C-alpha atoms as a PDB file:
ATOM      1  CA  MET A   1       0.115  -0.495   0.235  1.00  0.00           C
ATOM      2  CA  ALA A   2       1.031   3.228  -1.354  1.00  0.00           C
ATOM      3  CA  GLU A   3       2.113   5.561   2.332  1.00  0.00           C
ATOM      4  CA  ASN A   4      -0.531   8.360   3.279  1.00  0.00           C
ATOM      5  CA  GLN A   5       1.807  11.867   1.455  1.00  0.00           C
ATOM      6  CA  ASN A   6      -0.656  14.170   3.437  1.00  0.00           C
ATOM      7  CA  ARG A   7       0.204  15.671   6.533  1.00  0.00           C
ATOM      8  CA  THR A   8      -2.500  16.773   9.002  1.00  0.00           C
ATOM      9  CA  VAL A   9      -1.423  20.373  10.189  1.00  0.00           C
ATOM     10  CA  LYS A  10      -2.070  23.020  12.695  1.00  0.00           C
ATOM     11  CA  VAL A  11      -0.345  26.694  13.212  1.00  0.00           C
ATOM     12  CA  GLN A  12      -1.262  28.992  15.740  1.00  0.00           C
ATOM     13  CA  GLY A  13      -0.545  32.982  15.387  1.00  0.00           C
ATOM     14  CA  GLU A  14      -1.698  35.960  14.436  1.00  0.00           C
ATOM     15  CA  LEU A  15      -5.010  35.974  11.653  1.00  0.00           C
ATOM     16  CA  GLN A  16      -5.714  38.174   8.716  1.00  0.00           C
ATOM     17  CA  TYR A  17      -8.108  37.357   5.673  1.00  0.00           C
ATOM     18  CA  VAL A  18     -10.725  35.372   8.078  1.00  0.00           C
ATOM     19  CA  THR A  19     -13.277  34.424   5.039  1.00  0.00           C
ATOM     20  CA  ILE A  20     -15.232  31.213   6.372  1.00  0.00           C
ATOM     21  CA  LYS A  21     -18.584  32.474   5.646  1.00  0.00           C
ATOM     22  CA  GLY A  22     -20.337  33.159   3.241  1.00  0.00           C
ATOM     23  CA  ALA A  23     -20.425  33.562  -0.561  1.00  0.00           C
ATOM     24  CA  GLY A  24     -16.655  33.265   0.192  1.00  0.00           C
ATOM     25  CA  ARG A  25     -13.659  34.643  -2.105  1.00  0.00           C
ATOM     26  CA  ASN A  26     -12.950  34.333  -4.712  1.00  0.00           C
ATOM     27  CA  ASN A  27      -9.285  33.124  -6.357  1.00  0.00           C
ATOM     28  CA  ALA A  28      -9.383  33.119  -9.869  1.00  0.00           C
ATOM     29  CA  GLN A  29      -7.094  35.077 -11.573  1.00  0.00           C
ATOM     30  CA  ALA A  30      -8.160  37.988 -14.166  1.00  0.00           C
ATOM     31  CA  GLY A  31      -9.522  36.241 -17.297  1.00  0.00           C
ATOM     32  CA  GLN A  32     -10.455  33.035 -15.969  1.00  0.00           C
ATOM     33  CA  GLU A  33     -14.120  31.893 -14.230  1.00  0.00           C
ATOM     34  CA  PRO A  34     -14.286  32.135 -10.752  1.00  0.00           C
ATOM     35  CA  ASN A  35     -12.692  30.096  -8.672  1.00  0.00           C
ATOM     36  CA  MET A  36     -14.729  30.582  -4.859  1.00  0.00           C
ATOM     37  CA  GLN A  37     -13.368  29.919  -1.687  1.00  0.00           C
ATOM     38  CA  TYR A  38     -12.454  29.414   2.407  1.00  0.00           C
ATOM     39  CA  MET A  39      -9.132  30.613   3.566  1.00  0.00           C
ATOM     40  CA  ALA A  40      -7.530  32.210   6.197  1.00  0.00           C
ATOM     41  CA  SER A  41      -4.265  33.018   7.220  1.00  0.00           C
ATOM     42  CA  VAL A  42      -1.756  33.584   9.781  1.00  0.00           C
ATOM     43  CA  VAL A  43       1.656  35.083  10.222  1.00  0.00           C
ATOM     44  CA  MET A  44       4.135  33.943  12.700  1.00  0.00           C
ATOM     45  CA  LYS A  45       7.506  34.880  12.932  1.00  0.00           C
ATOM     46  CA  LYS A  46      10.001  32.971  10.405  1.00  0.00           C
ATOM     47  CA  ASP A  47      12.132  31.296  13.215  1.00  0.00           C
ATOM     48  CA  SER A  48       9.442  30.112  15.040  1.00  0.00           C
ATOM     49  CA  PRO A  49       8.391  27.484  16.549  1.00  0.00           C
ATOM     50  CA  GLU A  50       5.412  26.316  14.366  1.00  0.00           C
ATOM     51  CA  HIS A  51       6.435  27.779  10.976  1.00  0.00           C
ATOM     52  CA  LYS A  52       9.642  25.648  11.579  1.00  0.00           C
ATOM     53  CA  ALA A  53       6.903  22.590  12.645  1.00  0.00           C
ATOM     54  CA  LEU A  54       4.913  23.817   9.969  1.00  0.00           C
ATOM     55  CA  LYS A  55       8.117  22.978   7.351  1.00  0.00           C
ATOM     56  CA  ALA A  56       8.441  20.338   8.475  1.00  0.00           C
ATOM     57  CA  GLU A  57       5.396  18.009   7.663  1.00  0.00           C
ATOM     58  CA  ILE A  58       5.017  20.466   4.827  1.00  0.00           C
ATOM     59  CA  ASP A  59       8.401  18.317   4.009  1.00  0.00           C
ATOM     60  CA  ALA A  60       7.750  15.243   4.670  1.00  0.00           C
ATOM     61  CA  ALA A  61       4.490  15.338   2.645  1.00  0.00           C
ATOM     62  CA  TRP A  62       7.042  16.629  -0.124  1.00  0.00           C
ATOM     63  CA  LEU A  63       9.066  14.146  -0.065  1.00  0.00           C
ATOM     64  CA  ILE A  64       6.530  11.231  -0.188  1.00  0.00           C
ATOM     65  CA  TYR A  65       4.797  13.131  -3.079  1.00  0.00           C
ATOM     66  CA  CYS A  66       8.457  13.136  -5.367  1.00  0.00           C
ATOM     67  CA  ALA A  67       9.656   9.280  -4.474  1.00  0.00           C
ATOM     68  CA  ALA A  68       5.384   7.929  -6.239  1.00  0.00           C
ATOM     69  CA  HIS A  69       6.001  10.498  -8.422  1.00  0.00           C
ATOM     70  CA  GLY A  70       8.918  10.876  -9.958  1.00  0.00           C
ATOM     71  CA  VAL A  71       9.472  14.673  -8.829  1.00  0.00           C
ATOM     72  CA  LYS A  72      12.142  16.610  -8.046  1.00  0.00           C
ATOM     73  CA  GLY A  73      13.306  20.091  -7.075  1.00  0.00           C
ATOM     74  CA  ALA A  74      10.914  22.291  -4.449  1.00  0.00           C
ATOM     75  CA  PRO A  75       7.203  22.172  -4.736  1.00  0.00           C
ATOM     76  CA  LYS A  76       6.198  25.100  -7.051  1.00  0.00           C
ATOM     77  CA  SER A  77       4.519  26.788  -3.849  1.00  0.00           C
ATOM     78  CA  ASN A  78       3.825  25.835  -0.076  1.00  0.00           C
ATOM     79  CA  GLY A  79       0.673  27.523   0.837  1.00  0.00           C
ATOM     80  CA  ILE A  80       3.879  30.046   3.103  1.00  0.00           C
ATOM     81  CA  LYS A  81       5.367  33.164   1.621  1.00  0.00           C
ATOM     82  CA  PRO A  82       7.117  36.201   3.770  1.00  0.00           C
ATOM     83  CA  VAL A  83       5.620  39.173   4.582  1.00  0.00           C
ATOM     84  CA  MET A  84       6.408  42.114   2.758  1.00  0.00           C
ATOM     85  CA  VAL A  85       6.962  45.700   3.169  1.00  0.00           C
ATOM     86  CA  ASP A  86       8.178  48.947   1.529  1.00  0.00           C
ATOM     87  CA  SER A  87      11.847  49.844   0.878  1.00  0.00           C
ATOM     88  CA  ASP A  88      12.900  53.381   1.492  1.00  0.00           C
ATOM     89  CA  GLN A  89      14.902  52.745  -1.551  1.00  0.00           C
ATOM     90  CA  LEU A  90      12.682  53.375  -5.329  1.00  0.00           C
ATOM     91  CA  ASP A  91      12.956  51.192  -8.322  1.00  0.00           C
ATOM     92  CA  GLU A  92      13.370  53.502 -11.901  1.00  0.00           C
ATOM     93  CA  TYR A  93       9.981  53.878 -12.362  1.00  0.00           C
ATOM     94  CA  GLY A  94       9.741  55.606  -8.363  1.00  0.00           C
ATOM     95  CA  ALA A  95       7.854  52.742  -7.044  1.00  0.00           C
ATOM     96  CA  ALA A  96       9.801  51.911  -3.174  1.00  0.00           C
ATOM     97  CA  ILE A  97      11.475  48.720  -3.081  1.00  0.00           C
ATOM     98  CA  LYS A  98       9.528  45.120  -1.776  1.00  0.00           C
ATOM     99  CA  VAL A  99      12.120  43.278   1.219  1.00  0.00           C
ATOM    100  CA  GLU A 100      11.331  40.395   3.086  1.00  0.00           C
ATOM    101  CA  THR A 101      10.981  40.805   6.961  1.00  0.00           C
ATOM    102  CA  ASP A 102      11.674  38.634   9.287  1.00  0.00           C
ATOM    103  CA  GLU A 103       7.993  36.964   8.729  1.00  0.00           C
ATOM    104  CA  VAL A 104       5.524  35.038   7.140  1.00  0.00           C
ATOM    105  CA  ARG A 105       2.625  34.232   6.158  1.00  0.00           C
ATOM    106  CA  VAL A 106       0.850  30.530   6.011  1.00  0.00           C
ATOM    107  CA  THR A 107      -2.454  30.670   3.944  1.00  0.00           C
ATOM    108  CA  MET A 108      -4.812  27.390   4.095  1.00  0.00           C
ATOM    109  CA  LYS A 109      -7.976  27.706   1.929  1.00  0.00           C
ATOM    110  CA  THR A 110     -10.365  25.746   0.190  1.00  0.00           C
ATOM    111  CA  SER A 111     -13.537  25.594  -2.060  1.00  0.00           C
ATOM    112  CA  VAL A 112     -16.794  26.831  -0.367  1.00  0.00           C
ATOM    113  CA  THR A 113     -18.857  23.334  -1.974  1.00  0.00           C
ATOM    114  CA  TRP A 114     -18.022  19.803  -2.748  1.00  0.00           C
ATOM    115  CA  PRO A 115     -17.189  18.330  -6.316  1.00  0.00           C
ATOM    116  CA  ASP A 116     -20.934  17.391  -6.066  1.00  0.00           C
ATOM    117  CA  GLY A 117     -21.822  20.873  -4.575  1.00  0.00           C
ATOM    118  CA  LYS A 118     -22.899  20.849  -1.566  1.00  0.00           C
ATOM    119  CA  GLN A 119     -22.098  23.383   0.967  1.00  0.00           C
ATOM    120  CA  LYS A 120     -18.536  23.233   3.116  1.00  0.00           C
ATOM    121  CA  VAL A 121     -18.269  23.751   6.336  1.00  0.00           C
ATOM    122  CA  VAL A 122     -15.781  25.279   7.982  1.00  0.00           C
ATOM    123  CA  LYS A 123     -15.953  24.243  11.613  1.00  0.00           C
ATOM    124  CA  VAL A 124     -14.847  26.702  14.404  1.00  0.00           C
ATOM    125  CA  PHE A 125     -14.250  26.199  17.850  1.00  0.00           C
ATOM    126  CA  GLN A 126     -13.365  27.552  21.092  1.00  0.00           C
ATOM    127  CA  PRO A 127      -9.967  27.145  23.083  1.00  0.00           C
ATOM    128  CA  SER A 128     -11.828  24.595  24.746  1.00  0.00           C
ATOM    129  CA  GLY A 129     -12.132  22.347  21.311  1.00  0.00           C
ATOM    130  CA  ALA A 130     -16.266  23.303  22.251  1.00  0.00           C
ATOM    131  CA  ASP A 131     -17.321  24.129  18.728  1.00  0.00           C
ATOM    132  CA  ILE A 132     -19.250  27.535  18.021  1.00  0.00           C
ATOM    133  CA  THR A 133     -19.178  26.930  14.469  1.00  0.00           C
ATOM    134  CA  THR A 134     -23.238  27.871  14.466  1.00  0.00           C
ATOM    135  CA  GLN A 135     -23.155  30.654  16.400  1.00  0.00           C
ATOM    136  CA  VAL A 136     -19.975  32.394  14.678  1.00  0.00           C
ATOM    137  CA  THR A 137     -21.834  31.446  11.055  1.00  0.00           C
ATOM    138  CA  ALA A 138     -24.780  33.044  12.682  1.00  0.00           C
ATOM    139  CA  ALA A 139     -23.329  36.180  13.787  1.00  0.00           C
ATOM    140  CA  PRO A 140     -23.352  39.981  11.514  1.00  0.00           C
ATOM    141  CA  TRP A 141     -19.850  39.729  12.937  1.00  0.00           C
ATOM    142  CA  THR A 142     -16.263  37.851  11.114  1.00  0.00           C
ATOM    143  CA  ILE A 143     -13.191  37.013  12.428  1.00  0.00           C
ATOM    144  CA  GLY A 144     -11.023  40.099  11.918  1.00  0.00           C
ATOM    145  CA  ASN A 145      -7.111  40.943  12.034  1.00  0.00           C
ATOM    146  CA  GLY A 146      -6.053  40.943  14.388  1.00  0.00           C
ATOM    147  CA  SER A 147      -7.629  38.624  16.625  1.00  0.00           C
ATOM    148  CA  VAL A 148      -5.058  34.851  17.797  1.00  0.00           C
ATOM    149  CA  GLY A 149      -5.822  31.380  16.839  1.00  0.00           C
ATOM    150  CA  ILE A 150      -5.002  28.322  14.983  1.00  0.00           C
ATOM    151  CA  LEU A 151      -5.811  26.583  11.452  1.00  0.00           C
ATOM    152  CA  HIS A 152      -6.292  23.903  11.252  1.00  0.00           C
ATOM    153  CA  GLY A 153      -5.944  21.641   8.028  1.00  0.00           C
ATOM    154  CA  VAL A 154      -4.438  18.738   5.825  1.00  0.00           C
ATOM    155  CA  ALA A 155      -1.429  19.488   3.441  1.00  0.00           C
ATOM    156  CA  SER A 156      -1.742  17.478   0.386  1.00  0.00           C
ATOM    157  CA  PRO A 157       1.110  17.826  -2.620  1.00  0.00           C
ATOM    158  CA  ASN A 158      -0.664  17.896  -6.543  1.00  0.00           C
ATOM    159  CA  ASN A 159      -0.415  18.837  -9.399  1.00  0.00           C
ATOM    160  CA  ILE A 160      -3.488  20.291  -9.338  1.00  0.00           C
ATOM    161  CA  GLY A 161      -3.274  22.974 -12.552  1.00  0.00           C
ATOM    162  CA  GLY A 162      -0.396  22.107 -13.773  1.00  0.00           C
ATOM    163  CA  THR A 163       2.748  22.584 -11.405  1.00  0.00           C
ATOM    164  CA  HIS A 164       3.802  20.646  -8.719  1.00  0.00           C
ATOM    165  CA  LYS A 165       3.241  21.501  -5.112  1.00  0.00           C
ATOM    166  CA  VAL A 166       1.707  21.407  -1.291  1.00  0.00           C
ATOM    167  CA  THR A 167      -1.561  22.883  -1.571  1.00  0.00           C
ATOM    168  CA  LEU A 168      -2.920  23.888   2.508  1.00  0.00           C
ATOM    169  CA  TYR A 169      -6.211  22.211   3.118  1.00  0.00           C
ATOM    170  CA  LEU A 170      -8.202  24.902   5.206  1.00  0.00           C
ATOM    171  CA  SER A 171     -11.109  22.225   7.658  1.00  0.00           C
ATOM    172  CA  GLY A 172     -11.200  24.520  11.014  1.00  0.00           C
ATOM    173  CA  VAL A 173     -10.165  27.188  12.860  1.00  0.00           C
ATOM    174  CA  GLN A 174      -9.329  27.757  16.452  1.00  0.00           C
ATOM    175  CA  LEU A 175     -10.075  30.613  18.469  1.00  0.00           C
ATOM    176  CA  VAL A 176      -7.577  32.111  21.684  1.00  0.00           C
ATOM    177  CA  LYS A 177      -8.238  35.299  20.996  1.00  0.00           C
ATOM    178  CA  LEU A 178     -11.246  37.139  19.233  1.00  0.00           C
ATOM    179  CA  VAL A 179     -11.366  40.480  17.072  1.00  0.00           C
ATOM    180  CA  LYS A 180     -14.578  41.401  16.091  1.00  0.00           C
ATOM    181  CA  TYR A 181     -15.075  42.793  12.288  1.00  0.00           C
ATOM    182  CA  GLU A 182     -18.413  44.266  11.448  1.00  0.00           C
ATOM    183  CA  GLY A 183     -17.544  46.184   8.710  1.00  0.00           C
ATOM    184  CA  SER A 184     -16.047  49.703   7.945  1.00  0.00           C
ATOM    185  CA  GLU A 185     -17.923  52.792   9.133  1.00  0.00           C
ATOM    186  CA  MET A 186     -17.160  55.867   6.522  1.00  0.00           C
ATOM    187  CA  HIS A 187     -16.930  58.988   7.658  1.00  0.00           C
ATOM    188  CA  VAL A 188     -17.921  62.552   5.823  1.00  0.00           C
ATOM    189  CA  GLU A 189     -16.919  66.714   6.163  1.00  0.00           C
ATOM    190  CA  ALA A 190     -20.343  68.976   6.698  1.00  0.00           C
ATOM    191  CA  VAL A 191     -19.942  71.304   2.863  1.00  0.00           C
ATOM    192  CA  GLU A 192     -21.901  74.057   2.986  1.00  0.00           C
ATOM    193  CA  SER A 193     -24.809  73.689   1.179  1.00  0.00           C
ATOM    194  CA  GLU A 194     -28.399  72.839   2.548  1.00  0.00           C
ATOM    195  CA  ASP A 195     -28.757  69.280   3.454  1.00  0.00           C
ATOM    196  CA  ILE A 196     -31.703  67.811   0.658  1.00  0.00           C
ATOM    197  CA  PRO A 197     -35.252  66.489   1.456  1.00  0.00           C
ATOM    198  CA  LEU A 198     -35.458  62.805   1.171  1.00  0.00           C
ATOM    199  CA  ASP A 199     -39.031  63.453  -0.520  1.00  0.00           C
ATOM    200  CA  LEU A 200     -36.936  65.982  -3.331  1.00  0.00           C
ATOM    201  CA  ASP A 201     -36.559  64.194  -7.183  1.00  0.00           C
ATOM    202  CA  LEU A 202     -32.797  63.953  -8.047  1.00  0.00           C
ATOM    203  CA  ASP A 203     -33.533  64.495 -11.518  1.00  0.00           C
ATOM    204  CA  LEU A 204     -33.062  60.034 -12.509  1.00  0.00           C
ATOM    205  CA  PRO A 205     -33.480  59.413 -15.126  1.00  0.00           C
ATOM    206  CA  GLU A 206     -36.560  58.196 -15.959  1.00  0.00           C
ATOM    207  CA  GLU A 207     -36.626  54.768 -16.136  1.00  0.00           C
ATOM    208  CA  SER A 208     -35.688  55.124 -12.486  1.00  0.00           C
ATOM    209  CA  LYS A 209     -38.559  56.855 -10.708  1.00  0.00           C
ATOM    210  CA  PRO A 210     -40.837  55.505  -8.443  1.00  0.00           C
ATOM    211  CA  THR A 211     -43.990  55.104 -10.186  1.00  0.00           C
ATOM    212  CA  ILE A 212     -47.744  55.975  -8.433  1.00  0.00           C
END
C-alpha cells in the first residue's frame, strides 16, 4: 500500500483575512472562471517553532509525493510566503522596492462547495475545543485581523493546474483571541450647502423614477 502523502497540520499565530462563511472569496486569476474559496492566513516569525514545525510536515509530505511521482526539486508553492514591506529605496519607476521581513504568512484555503455542489463548512472552535461554528456563522460580525488562533487543515501535494506544489487545505479555525470585524464606517465632512429633503426628486432618469 502506498504511503499516505497528506499530512494533518495546524499552525498558531495572528489571524489575517479570515473568510469562512457566506459566498467566500474569489481566488481566480484575471480572465479565469470564478473560484470561490474559504481561506484564512496566519502570520508568524520565520524562526518560530510553529513555522519550523509546519515546514517539517510540509517537507515530509513533499518527499513522499516526489518519490511516488518521480518529481525532483522544490514545490512550486507550499502555502507559505514571506511578509513583504516597502523599503526606502525606489525602483526606476519611482515605486518603493519591497523587501522581506522576519515574518511569514501561511494561507490555508478550500473551495466553498464539494464536487457534488454541497456547501462546505469550516468549523470554528473555542480554546477549550467546544464547537461554535453555528454561532459564528449566524453572527453579524466576522473574525477580524488581529485575532489570534490556530488554523487546522491538511498539507496535500498535488499537480492541480499543471504545477507540482503543496496546497494547505483549511478545515477549521480555533480561536484564542477574537477581534470582531463588523464592517467599515464611512465618515464625511460637512460642506456648505442645505441638506436635501428626502422627498425631493433628484432628477433621476425616467426609468429609475418610482411610479405611483
